[in-house]
Protein backbone atom coordinates (compact mmCIF):
# COMPACT_ATOMS: atom_id res chain seq x y z
CA MET A 1 -5.78 10.82 31.56
CA GLU A 2 -3.81 8.31 29.54
CA GLY A 3 -2.55 9.12 26.09
CA LYS A 4 -2.47 7.10 22.90
CA VAL A 5 0.19 5.39 20.85
CA TYR A 6 0.11 5.38 17.07
CA TRP A 7 2.59 2.66 16.12
CA LEU A 8 3.57 2.94 12.44
CA THR A 9 5.33 -0.20 11.32
CA GLY A 10 6.64 -1.41 7.99
CA LEU A 11 9.87 -2.14 6.18
CA SER A 12 12.69 0.34 5.70
CA GLY A 13 11.72 2.86 3.03
CA ALA A 14 7.99 2.20 3.34
CA GLY A 15 7.25 5.81 4.30
CA LYS A 16 6.69 5.40 8.04
CA THR A 17 8.70 8.45 9.05
CA THR A 18 7.28 10.72 6.35
CA ILE A 19 3.68 9.78 7.13
CA GLY A 20 4.35 9.70 10.88
CA ARG A 21 5.89 13.17 10.98
CA LEU A 22 2.94 14.62 9.04
CA TRP A 23 0.56 12.77 11.40
CA TYR A 24 2.39 14.19 14.43
CA GLU A 25 2.12 17.71 13.00
CA LYS A 26 -1.62 17.26 12.39
CA LEU A 27 -2.13 16.04 15.96
CA ARG A 28 -0.20 19.02 17.34
CA GLU A 29 -2.26 21.40 15.21
CA ALA A 30 -5.37 19.77 16.71
CA GLY A 31 -4.07 20.62 20.19
CA GLU A 32 -2.83 17.19 21.27
CA ALA A 33 0.26 16.85 23.45
CA ALA A 34 2.04 14.71 20.90
CA VAL A 35 5.54 13.23 20.80
CA PHE A 36 7.26 11.96 17.65
CA LEU A 37 9.62 8.97 17.90
CA ASP A 38 11.55 7.52 14.97
CA GLY A 39 13.31 4.16 15.15
CA ASP A 40 16.62 5.43 13.73
CA GLU A 41 16.67 8.36 16.16
CA LEU A 42 15.73 6.13 19.09
CA ARG A 43 18.72 3.88 18.38
CA GLN A 44 20.97 6.92 18.77
CA VAL A 45 19.18 8.16 21.89
CA PHE A 46 19.53 4.76 23.57
CA GLY A 47 23.26 4.77 22.83
CA ASP A 48 23.35 2.87 19.55
CA ASP A 49 24.48 -0.18 21.53
CA LEU A 50 22.46 -2.70 19.54
CA GLY A 51 23.24 -4.03 16.10
CA PHE A 52 20.84 -5.14 13.39
CA SER A 53 20.64 -8.86 14.09
CA GLU A 54 17.17 -10.23 14.65
CA SER A 55 17.85 -10.54 18.39
CA ASP A 56 19.07 -6.95 18.70
CA ARG A 57 16.13 -5.71 16.63
CA ARG A 58 13.74 -7.42 19.06
CA LYS A 59 15.48 -5.76 22.02
CA SER A 60 15.32 -2.40 20.29
CA ALA A 61 11.62 -2.83 19.48
CA MET A 62 10.83 -3.65 23.10
CA ARG A 63 12.74 -0.58 24.29
CA ASN A 64 10.64 1.51 21.94
CA ALA A 65 7.43 -0.16 23.11
CA ARG A 66 8.21 0.41 26.78
CA LEU A 67 9.07 4.07 26.15
CA CYS A 68 5.79 4.53 24.27
CA ALA A 69 3.88 2.93 27.14
CA LEU A 70 5.58 5.22 29.66
CA LEU A 71 4.81 8.37 27.66
CA ALA A 72 1.20 7.32 27.05
CA LYS A 73 0.72 6.71 30.77
CA GLN A 74 1.82 10.30 31.32
CA GLY A 75 -0.90 11.55 28.96
CA PHE A 76 1.05 12.03 25.74
CA THR A 77 -0.06 10.98 22.29
CA VAL A 78 2.91 9.12 20.84
CA VAL A 79 3.63 8.65 17.16
CA CYS A 80 6.25 5.91 16.90
CA CYS A 81 7.69 4.98 13.50
CA THR A 82 9.71 1.78 13.63
CA ILE A 83 10.25 -1.40 11.64
CA SER A 84 9.77 -3.70 14.67
CA MET A 85 8.17 -6.44 12.59
CA PHE A 86 7.63 -8.89 15.44
CA ASP A 87 4.29 -10.35 16.50
CA ARG A 88 5.46 -10.63 20.10
CA VAL A 89 6.20 -6.89 20.33
CA ARG A 90 2.90 -5.88 18.77
CA GLN A 91 1.06 -8.27 21.11
CA TRP A 92 2.88 -6.74 24.09
CA ASN A 93 1.78 -3.31 22.86
CA ARG A 94 -1.87 -4.39 22.62
CA GLU A 95 -1.76 -5.89 26.13
CA ASN A 96 0.15 -3.07 27.83
CA ILE A 97 -0.66 0.19 26.05
CA PRO A 98 -4.20 1.53 26.43
CA GLY A 99 -5.08 3.55 23.34
CA TYR A 100 -2.71 1.56 21.12
CA PHE A 101 -3.39 1.98 17.39
CA GLU A 102 -1.28 0.00 14.93
CA VAL A 103 -0.73 1.28 11.40
CA TYR A 104 0.97 -1.02 8.91
CA VAL A 105 2.60 0.99 6.14
CA LYS A 106 2.66 -1.69 3.49
CA VAL A 107 4.82 -1.50 0.37
CA SER A 108 5.80 -4.18 -2.12
CA MET A 109 9.44 -5.24 -2.30
CA GLY A 110 9.51 -4.03 -5.92
CA THR A 111 8.50 -0.53 -4.84
CA LEU A 112 11.02 -0.56 -1.99
CA ARG A 113 13.81 -1.53 -4.38
CA ARG A 114 12.81 1.26 -6.79
CA ARG A 115 12.71 3.88 -4.03
CA ASP A 116 15.75 2.61 -2.09
CA GLN A 117 16.33 5.97 -0.38
CA LYS A 118 18.94 4.59 2.01
CA GLY A 119 20.59 2.26 -0.51
CA LEU A 120 19.74 -0.78 1.61
CA TYR A 121 18.10 -2.83 -1.11
CA SER A 122 20.70 -2.24 -3.82
CA THR A 123 23.96 -2.52 -1.87
CA GLY A 124 23.51 -6.09 -0.62
CA GLU A 125 24.03 -4.86 2.93
CA ALA A 126 23.51 -7.57 5.56
CA ASP A 127 20.66 -7.73 8.06
CA VAL A 128 18.01 -5.90 6.02
CA ALA A 129 14.55 -6.79 7.33
CA GLY A 130 12.52 -8.53 4.66
CA VAL A 131 15.60 -9.35 2.60
CA HIS A 132 18.10 -11.11 4.86
CA PHE A 133 15.69 -12.38 7.47
CA GLN A 134 12.00 -13.12 7.61
CA VAL A 135 9.67 -10.49 8.99
CA GLU A 136 6.40 -11.18 10.73
CA GLU A 137 3.86 -9.17 8.79
CA PRO A 138 1.24 -7.62 11.08
CA LYS A 139 -1.74 -9.98 11.34
CA CYS A 140 -4.36 -7.57 12.67
CA PRO A 141 -3.28 -3.93 12.34
CA ASP A 142 -5.90 -1.30 13.04
CA LEU A 143 -5.12 0.26 9.66
CA VAL A 144 -3.16 -0.78 6.57
CA LEU A 145 -1.85 2.06 4.43
CA GLU A 146 -0.87 0.78 1.00
CA ASN A 147 1.97 3.19 0.24
CA ASP A 148 2.73 2.27 -3.35
CA GLY A 149 2.82 5.88 -4.54
CA SER A 150 -0.81 6.15 -5.67
CA LYS A 151 -1.52 8.45 -2.70
CA THR A 152 0.55 11.32 -1.34
CA PRO A 153 1.74 11.20 2.27
CA GLU A 154 -0.83 13.89 3.04
CA GLU A 155 -3.61 11.70 1.61
CA GLN A 156 -2.37 8.80 3.76
CA VAL A 157 -2.60 11.06 6.83
CA ASP A 158 -6.16 12.01 5.85
CA ILE A 159 -7.07 8.30 5.81
CA LEU A 160 -5.55 7.89 9.27
CA TRP A 161 -7.42 10.96 10.54
CA LYS A 162 -10.76 9.44 9.47
CA VAL A 163 -10.23 6.13 11.31
CA ARG A 164 -8.16 7.13 14.35
CA LYS A 165 -9.17 6.43 17.92
CA HIS A 166 -10.52 9.55 19.62
């Protein structure tokens, strides 16, 4: 039996990891064999050998996608939280991962700058997705979560629960 992949994508600080971790916990409570993957942690696991240029980000996103595909083929439900804002990667996912479900955690740049949990938007650091290079906004996600602060992360997870693939 093949698993599923819930691919949470969005800019840095959008809330992917917070929502994704809560989603993972809900899936585990429901008895699913779930795995939680976070983009920052995956960079470390893979040896942190890639930088943050657009080219290296594409390579990193494809590593993540292939790992998700492998785990799903082994029957796991994967929750992957990663920026990976590339149409080509998301298309690969749709073509190669049965049970793929894409969630776009969408946040305005104004909200991201106000939150700025990692200091990326205020420090002028180079290679910030959406600031220093163009991102390819998801064209057909299975779900868009507007994470502007009007809903708690738990409420966002409830929305995902209602529309998920069974």
